[in-house]
Amino acid sequence: MKTDLSNDLNFFVLLARHGSLSAAARLLDITPPAATKRLALLESRLGVRLVNRTTRSISLTSEGETYLQHATRILSDVQAMEDAVSGGRASPKGLLRVNATLGFGRTTIAPLVSDFAAKHPDVEVLLDVSDRPVDLVESGFDLGIRFGALPDKRLNARRIMSNRRFLCASPGYLKKHGTPQTLADLARHRCIIHRQNDDAYGIWRFMRGENSEVIKVQGSLSSNDGDIVLGWALDGHGILIRSEWDLAKYLESGRLRVLLPEFELPAADLFVYYANQRNQSARIRVFIDFLVEHFANTPAKQRVK
């Protein structure tokens, strides 16, 4: 039977996740007044306010955010302990918390979670999508799915898909503005810039053999959304760097063309990140294997939806 502390942690995680006392009450099979009383007792015991309440919604205070981070991590550790002790490694079950990039998480990971849930009904999946990497350890996530390497030594990483980047443009743009023959030519072209995290603006890095070259480009269009910049390139507004995952079907159809293929760009391989735990739960292992198998069997030309 769960302890009172475990009940409090589970209650607050449900409350924060669904943003409603009535929703948390329904999930716990208690009345809304009982849920309100439980929150009041929890706040009274801690001596702080955890949520700001209005007639329609709630929001977490800074103390509530801190409590949520620790609560999710503690519940995850308890589940992992029970899996290891009870032999649950053979049967995936429990809550799996997954973070993924915003667009890719919505268009690709979410449908995969649907397939995974159908195969493993005893696993509850919480999928969180964000445009910036999150601290998996502090935020209590079991897994993170991201393109490129994350500089966090507390995490392990497993590559689930190789993904090269290419320089490209539409035939319409090239007909109007010409095709660059050298990297130096890029300086006089209209380039579409994808703003990613804290990358230097308009700095493109190329490799040819053992030599590297950095080019400063410029253009009138930029966005932090990959689908937006890809759309602008398809409309003929300029030269763009995108990965083969995004470009495959457009290169095959001829709507985009690869430029200066003799130069390599930093890869955008897809990785799944997870905390360095010796006794990894069955739900984490099975989900990672599920992702690896899917992408291994997905040809590049079928990757873009």
Protein backbone atom coordinates (compact mmCIF):
# COMPACT_ATOMS: atom_id res chain seq x y z
CA MET A 1 0.00 0.00 0.00
CA LYS A 2 1.34 3.42 -0.85
CA THR A 3 2.54 5.68 1.94
CA ASP A 4 0.92 9.06 2.61
CA LEU A 5 3.96 10.74 1.08
CA SER A 6 3.65 8.68 -2.08
CA ASN A 7 -0.05 9.54 -2.24
CA ASP A 8 0.76 13.25 -1.89
CA LEU A 9 3.38 13.09 -4.62
CA ASN A 10 1.10 11.21 -7.00
CA PHE A 11 -1.78 13.59 -6.26
CA PHE A 12 0.30 16.68 -6.96
CA VAL A 13 1.79 15.28 -10.19
CA LEU A 14 -1.73 14.53 -11.47
CA LEU A 15 -2.90 17.98 -10.42
CA ALA A 16 -0.02 19.71 -12.21
CA ARG A 17 -0.33 17.53 -15.32
CA HIS A 18 -4.07 18.11 -15.79
CA GLY A 19 -4.24 21.64 -14.38
CA SER A 20 -7.48 21.00 -12.53
CA LEU A 21 -8.52 19.80 -9.08
CA SER A 22 -11.65 18.21 -10.52
CA ALA A 23 -9.62 16.27 -13.10
CA ALA A 24 -7.23 15.02 -10.43
CA ALA A 25 -10.21 14.06 -8.29
CA ARG A 26 -11.74 12.00 -11.11
CA LEU A 27 -8.48 10.15 -11.73
CA LEU A 28 -8.09 9.35 -8.02
CA ASP A 29 -11.80 8.47 -7.64
CA ILE A 30 -12.37 11.06 -4.93
CA THR A 31 -14.71 14.04 -4.73
CA PRO A 32 -13.58 17.54 -5.75
CA PRO A 33 -13.98 18.81 -2.15
CA ALA A 34 -11.73 15.96 -1.00
CA ALA A 35 -9.13 16.97 -3.59
CA THR A 36 -9.32 20.60 -2.45
CA LYS A 37 -8.87 19.48 1.16
CA ARG A 38 -5.89 17.28 0.24
CA LEU A 39 -4.17 20.21 -1.47
CA ALA A 40 -4.87 22.47 1.51
CA LEU A 41 -3.41 19.91 3.92
CA LEU A 42 -0.33 19.46 1.73
CA GLU A 43 0.27 23.21 1.55
CA SER A 44 -0.32 23.54 5.28
CA ARG A 45 2.18 20.80 6.07
CA LEU A 46 4.81 22.39 3.81
CA GLY A 47 4.04 25.93 4.94
CA VAL A 48 3.97 27.31 1.37
CA ARG A 49 1.45 27.84 -1.43
CA LEU A 50 2.03 25.36 -4.25
CA VAL A 51 -0.57 26.60 -6.73
CA ASN A 52 -2.35 29.78 -7.71
CA ARG A 53 -6.05 29.08 -8.06
CA THR A 54 -8.75 30.82 -10.09
CA THR A 55 -12.33 29.75 -10.71
CA ARG A 56 -11.29 28.01 -13.95
CA SER A 57 -7.69 26.91 -13.68
CA ILE A 58 -4.58 26.58 -11.57
CA SER A 59 -0.94 27.49 -12.12
CA LEU A 60 2.09 26.39 -10.16
CA THR A 61 3.98 28.77 -7.91
CA SER A 62 7.79 28.63 -7.94
CA GLU A 63 7.56 26.38 -4.86
CA GLY A 64 5.05 24.23 -6.73
CA GLU A 65 7.42 23.89 -9.68
CA THR A 66 10.19 22.75 -7.35
CA TYR A 67 7.87 20.28 -5.60
CA LEU A 68 6.75 18.90 -8.99
CA GLN A 69 10.33 18.35 -10.18
CA HIS A 70 11.24 16.40 -7.07
CA ALA A 71 7.91 14.53 -6.99
CA THR A 72 8.25 13.22 -10.55
CA ARG A 73 11.83 12.15 -9.94
CA ILE A 74 11.00 10.40 -6.65
CA LEU A 75 8.03 8.54 -8.15
CA SER A 76 10.20 7.44 -11.06
CA ASP A 77 12.88 6.15 -8.67
CA VAL A 78 10.26 4.29 -6.61
CA GLN A 79 8.87 2.65 -9.76
CA ALA A 80 12.37 1.66 -10.86
CA MET A 81 13.05 0.16 -7.43
CA GLU A 82 9.82 -1.84 -7.52
CA ASP A 83 10.61 -3.05 -11.05
CA ALA A 84 14.05 -4.27 -9.97
CA VAL A 85 12.87 -5.93 -6.76
CA SER A 86 9.73 -7.55 -8.14
CA GLY A 87 11.28 -8.79 -11.35
CA GLY A 88 9.14 -6.35 -13.34
CA ARG A 89 11.93 -5.95 -15.91
CA ALA A 90 10.30 -8.70 -17.96
CA SER A 91 6.93 -6.95 -18.16
CA PRO A 92 6.83 -3.22 -19.00
CA LYS A 93 4.44 -1.26 -16.83
CA GLY A 94 4.14 2.05 -15.02
CA LEU A 95 4.60 5.68 -16.06
CA LEU A 96 7.08 6.58 -18.82
CA ARG A 97 7.96 10.29 -19.13
CA VAL A 98 9.28 11.28 -22.57
CA ASN A 99 10.48 14.66 -23.84
CA ALA A 100 10.91 15.37 -27.57
CA THR A 101 11.48 18.29 -29.91
CA LEU A 102 8.36 20.29 -30.68
CA GLY A 103 7.68 19.65 -34.38
CA PHE A 104 9.27 16.21 -34.59
CA GLY A 105 7.56 15.15 -31.37
CA ARG A 106 4.18 16.19 -32.69
CA THR A 107 4.43 14.72 -36.20
CA THR A 108 6.55 11.61 -35.66
CA ILE A 109 6.99 10.63 -32.02
CA ALA A 110 3.32 11.08 -31.07
CA PRO A 111 2.10 8.51 -33.67
CA LEU A 112 4.84 6.13 -32.50
CA VAL A 113 3.66 6.52 -28.91
CA SER A 114 0.18 5.59 -30.12
CA ASP A 115 1.54 2.38 -31.67
CA PHE A 116 3.61 1.63 -28.58
CA ALA A 117 0.62 2.13 -26.27
CA ALA A 118 -1.42 -0.35 -28.30
CA LYS A 119 1.29 -2.98 -27.82
CA HIS A 120 1.96 -2.20 -24.16
CA PRO A 121 -1.31 -1.18 -22.47
CA ASP A 122 0.21 -1.39 -18.98
CA VAL A 123 2.60 1.48 -19.75
CA GLU A 124 1.31 5.02 -19.23
CA VAL A 125 3.19 7.46 -21.48
CA LEU A 126 3.51 11.16 -20.73
CA LEU A 127 4.86 12.88 -23.89
CA ASP A 128 6.12 16.42 -23.43
CA VAL A 129 7.25 18.44 -26.49
CA SER A 130 9.40 21.56 -26.29
CA ASP A 131 11.44 23.71 -28.67
CA ARG A 132 14.49 23.69 -26.37
CA PRO A 133 16.29 20.82 -24.64
CA VAL A 134 15.23 20.28 -21.04
CA ASP A 135 17.23 19.02 -18.08
CA LEU A 136 16.01 15.42 -17.99
CA VAL A 137 17.38 14.75 -14.52
CA GLU A 138 15.97 17.84 -12.85
CA SER A 139 12.65 17.66 -14.72
CA GLY A 140 12.09 14.00 -13.91
CA PHE A 141 11.89 12.71 -17.50
CA ASP A 142 12.92 9.13 -18.24
CA LEU A 143 13.89 9.80 -21.86
CA GLY A 144 14.71 12.66 -24.20
CA ILE A 145 14.54 12.38 -28.00
CA ARG A 146 16.67 14.99 -29.73
CA PHE A 147 18.64 15.68 -32.90
CA GLY A 148 22.34 16.15 -32.22
CA ALA A 149 24.42 15.62 -29.10
CA LEU A 150 23.49 17.14 -25.75
CA PRO A 151 26.38 18.28 -23.54
CA ASP A 152 25.26 16.53 -20.35
CA LYS A 153 27.61 13.94 -18.91
CA ARG A 154 24.93 12.70 -16.51
CA LEU A 155 23.10 11.10 -19.44
CA ASN A 156 23.64 8.12 -21.69
CA ALA A 157 22.78 8.34 -25.37
CA ARG A 158 21.80 5.82 -28.01
CA ARG A 159 21.67 6.79 -31.66
CA ILE A 160 18.42 5.70 -33.21
CA MET A 161 18.83 7.25 -36.66
CA SER A 162 21.68 8.67 -38.76
CA ASN A 163 20.65 11.93 -40.35
CA ARG A 164 22.90 13.99 -42.65
CA ARG A 165 22.42 17.69 -43.38
CA PHE A 166 22.41 19.21 -46.87
CA LEU A 167 22.58 22.63 -48.45
CA CYS A 168 19.61 23.02 -50.78
CA ALA A 169 17.40 25.40 -52.77
CA SER A 170 14.47 25.24 -55.15
CA PRO A 171 14.94 25.17 -58.93
CA GLY A 172 12.99 28.43 -59.12
CA TYR A 173 15.41 30.22 -56.82
CA LEU A 174 18.45 28.84 -58.67
CA LYS A 175 17.04 29.88 -62.05
CA LYS A 176 16.55 33.43 -60.82
CA HIS A 177 19.69 33.90 -58.72
CA GLY A 178 22.14 31.36 -60.09
CA THR A 179 23.74 28.28 -58.53
CA PRO A 180 26.63 28.82 -56.09
CA GLN A 181 29.85 27.16 -57.27
CA THR A 182 31.92 27.76 -54.13
CA LEU A 183 31.26 28.36 -50.45
CA ALA A 184 32.34 31.96 -50.90
CA ASP A 185 29.44 32.43 -53.35
CA LEU A 186 26.98 31.91 -50.48
CA ALA A 187 27.80 35.38 -49.16
CA ARG A 188 26.00 36.99 -52.10
CA HIS A 189 22.97 34.69 -51.98
CA ARG A 190 19.75 34.95 -50.02
CA CYS A 191 20.00 32.38 -47.25
CA ILE A 192 17.17 31.21 -45.04
CA ILE A 193 18.35 30.89 -41.46
CA HIS A 194 17.01 28.36 -38.98
CA ARG A 195 17.53 29.76 -35.50
CA GLN A 196 18.34 26.81 -33.20
CA ASN A 197 18.92 27.13 -29.48
CA ASP A 198 21.97 29.34 -28.91
CA ASP A 199 23.73 28.73 -32.22
CA ALA A 200 25.52 31.76 -33.65
CA TYR A 201 23.22 33.58 -36.07
CA GLY A 202 24.02 33.07 -39.74
CA ILE A 203 27.18 31.00 -39.16
CA TRP A 204 27.36 27.88 -41.35
CA ARG A 205 30.17 25.33 -40.85
CA PHE A 206 31.37 22.99 -43.59
CA MET A 207 33.91 20.17 -43.83
CA ARG A 208 35.84 18.88 -46.84
CA GLY A 209 38.20 16.07 -45.97
CA GLU A 210 40.30 17.26 -43.02
CA ASN A 211 39.62 20.92 -43.69
CA SER A 212 36.83 22.98 -42.15
CA GLU A 213 35.44 26.32 -43.26
CA VAL A 214 33.06 28.76 -41.60
CA ILE A 215 30.83 30.96 -43.73
CA LYS A 216 28.84 33.97 -42.58
CA VAL A 217 25.59 34.13 -44.53
CA GLN A 218 22.71 36.57 -44.59
CA GLY A 219 19.10 36.69 -45.62
CA SER A 220 15.83 38.40 -44.88
CA LEU A 221 13.99 35.32 -43.58
CA SER A 222 14.70 33.38 -40.39
CA SER A 223 12.67 31.34 -37.92
CA ASN A 224 13.13 28.93 -35.01
CA ASP A 225 10.65 26.52 -36.63
CA GLY A 226 12.06 23.97 -39.08
CA ASP A 227 8.81 23.48 -40.98
CA ILE A 228 8.51 27.22 -41.58
CA VAL A 229 12.00 27.64 -43.04
CA LEU A 230 11.54 24.55 -45.19
CA GLY A 231 8.34 26.03 -46.57
CA TRP A 232 10.13 29.25 -47.46
CA ALA A 233 12.82 27.29 -49.34
CA LEU A 234 10.14 25.41 -51.27
CA ASP A 235 8.59 28.77 -52.17
CA GLY A 236 11.89 29.87 -53.70
CA HIS A 237 12.99 32.43 -51.11
CA GLY A 238 16.56 31.24 -50.68
CA ILE A 239 19.18 28.64 -49.78
CA LEU A 240 18.66 26.50 -46.70
CA ILE A 241 20.38 23.85 -44.58
CA ARG A 242 18.09 20.97 -43.60
CA SER A 243 18.48 17.31 -42.75
CA GLU A 244 17.76 14.35 -45.01
CA TRP A 245 14.80 13.49 -42.79
CA ASP A 246 13.11 16.72 -43.85
CA LEU A 247 14.38 16.84 -47.42
CA ALA A 248 14.10 13.27 -48.72
CA LYS A 249 10.78 13.49 -50.53
CA TYR A 250 11.48 16.97 -51.91
CA LEU A 251 14.86 15.94 -53.30
CA GLU A 252 13.29 12.87 -54.87
CA SER A 253 10.51 14.91 -56.49
CA GLY A 254 12.90 17.64 -57.65
CA ARG A 255 11.27 20.44 -55.68
CA LEU A 256 14.64 21.01 -53.98
CA ARG A 257 18.20 20.42 -55.18
CA VAL A 258 21.36 19.70 -53.20
CA LEU A 259 24.09 22.32 -53.57
CA LEU A 260 27.87 21.92 -53.16
CA PRO A 261 27.59 18.20 -52.24
CA GLU A 262 31.39 17.91 -51.92
CA PHE A 263 31.16 19.79 -48.62
CA GLU A 264 29.84 18.05 -45.49
CA LEU A 265 27.77 19.68 -42.80
CA PRO A 266 27.54 18.64 -39.13
CA ALA A 267 25.18 15.67 -38.88
CA ALA A 268 21.79 15.86 -37.20
CA ASP A 269 21.65 12.27 -35.97
CA LEU A 270 18.67 11.38 -33.80
CA PHE A 271 19.47 10.23 -30.26
CA VAL A 272 17.48 9.00 -27.32
CA TYR A 273 18.92 10.20 -24.01
CA TYR A 274 18.36 8.65 -20.62
CA ALA A 275 19.79 8.86 -17.12
CA ASN A 276 22.71 6.61 -16.25
CA GLN A 277 20.87 3.97 -14.23
CA ARG A 278 22.20 0.47 -13.67
CA ASN A 279 18.76 -1.06 -13.22
CA GLN A 280 16.86 0.35 -16.16
CA SER A 281 13.15 -0.41 -16.04
CA ALA A 282 11.48 -2.63 -18.61
CA ARG A 283 9.30 0.20 -19.93
CA ILE A 284 12.37 2.33 -20.74
CA ARG A 285 14.28 -0.51 -22.38
CA VAL A 286 11.31 -1.67 -24.43
CA PHE A 287 10.45 1.85 -25.60
CA ILE A 288 14.03 2.53 -26.70
CA ASP A 289 14.16 -0.79 -28.57
CA PHE A 290 10.81 0.08 -30.17
CA LEU A 291 12.21 3.39 -31.47
CA VAL A 292 15.41 1.79 -32.75
CA GLU A 293 13.51 -0.90 -34.64
CA HIS A 294 11.12 1.60 -36.19
CA PHE A 295 13.78 3.94 -37.56
CA ALA A 296 15.98 1.06 -38.70
CA ASN A 297 13.09 -0.12 -40.88
CA THR A 298 12.11 3.32 -42.18
CA PRO A 299 13.68 4.26 -45.54
CA ALA A 300 14.72 7.90 -45.85
CA LYS A 301 12.18 8.62 -48.57
CA GLN A 302 9.37 7.50 -46.21
CA ARG A 303 10.53 9.53 -43.23
CA VAL A 304 8.89 12.84 -44.06
CA LYS A 305 5.15 12.97 -43.60
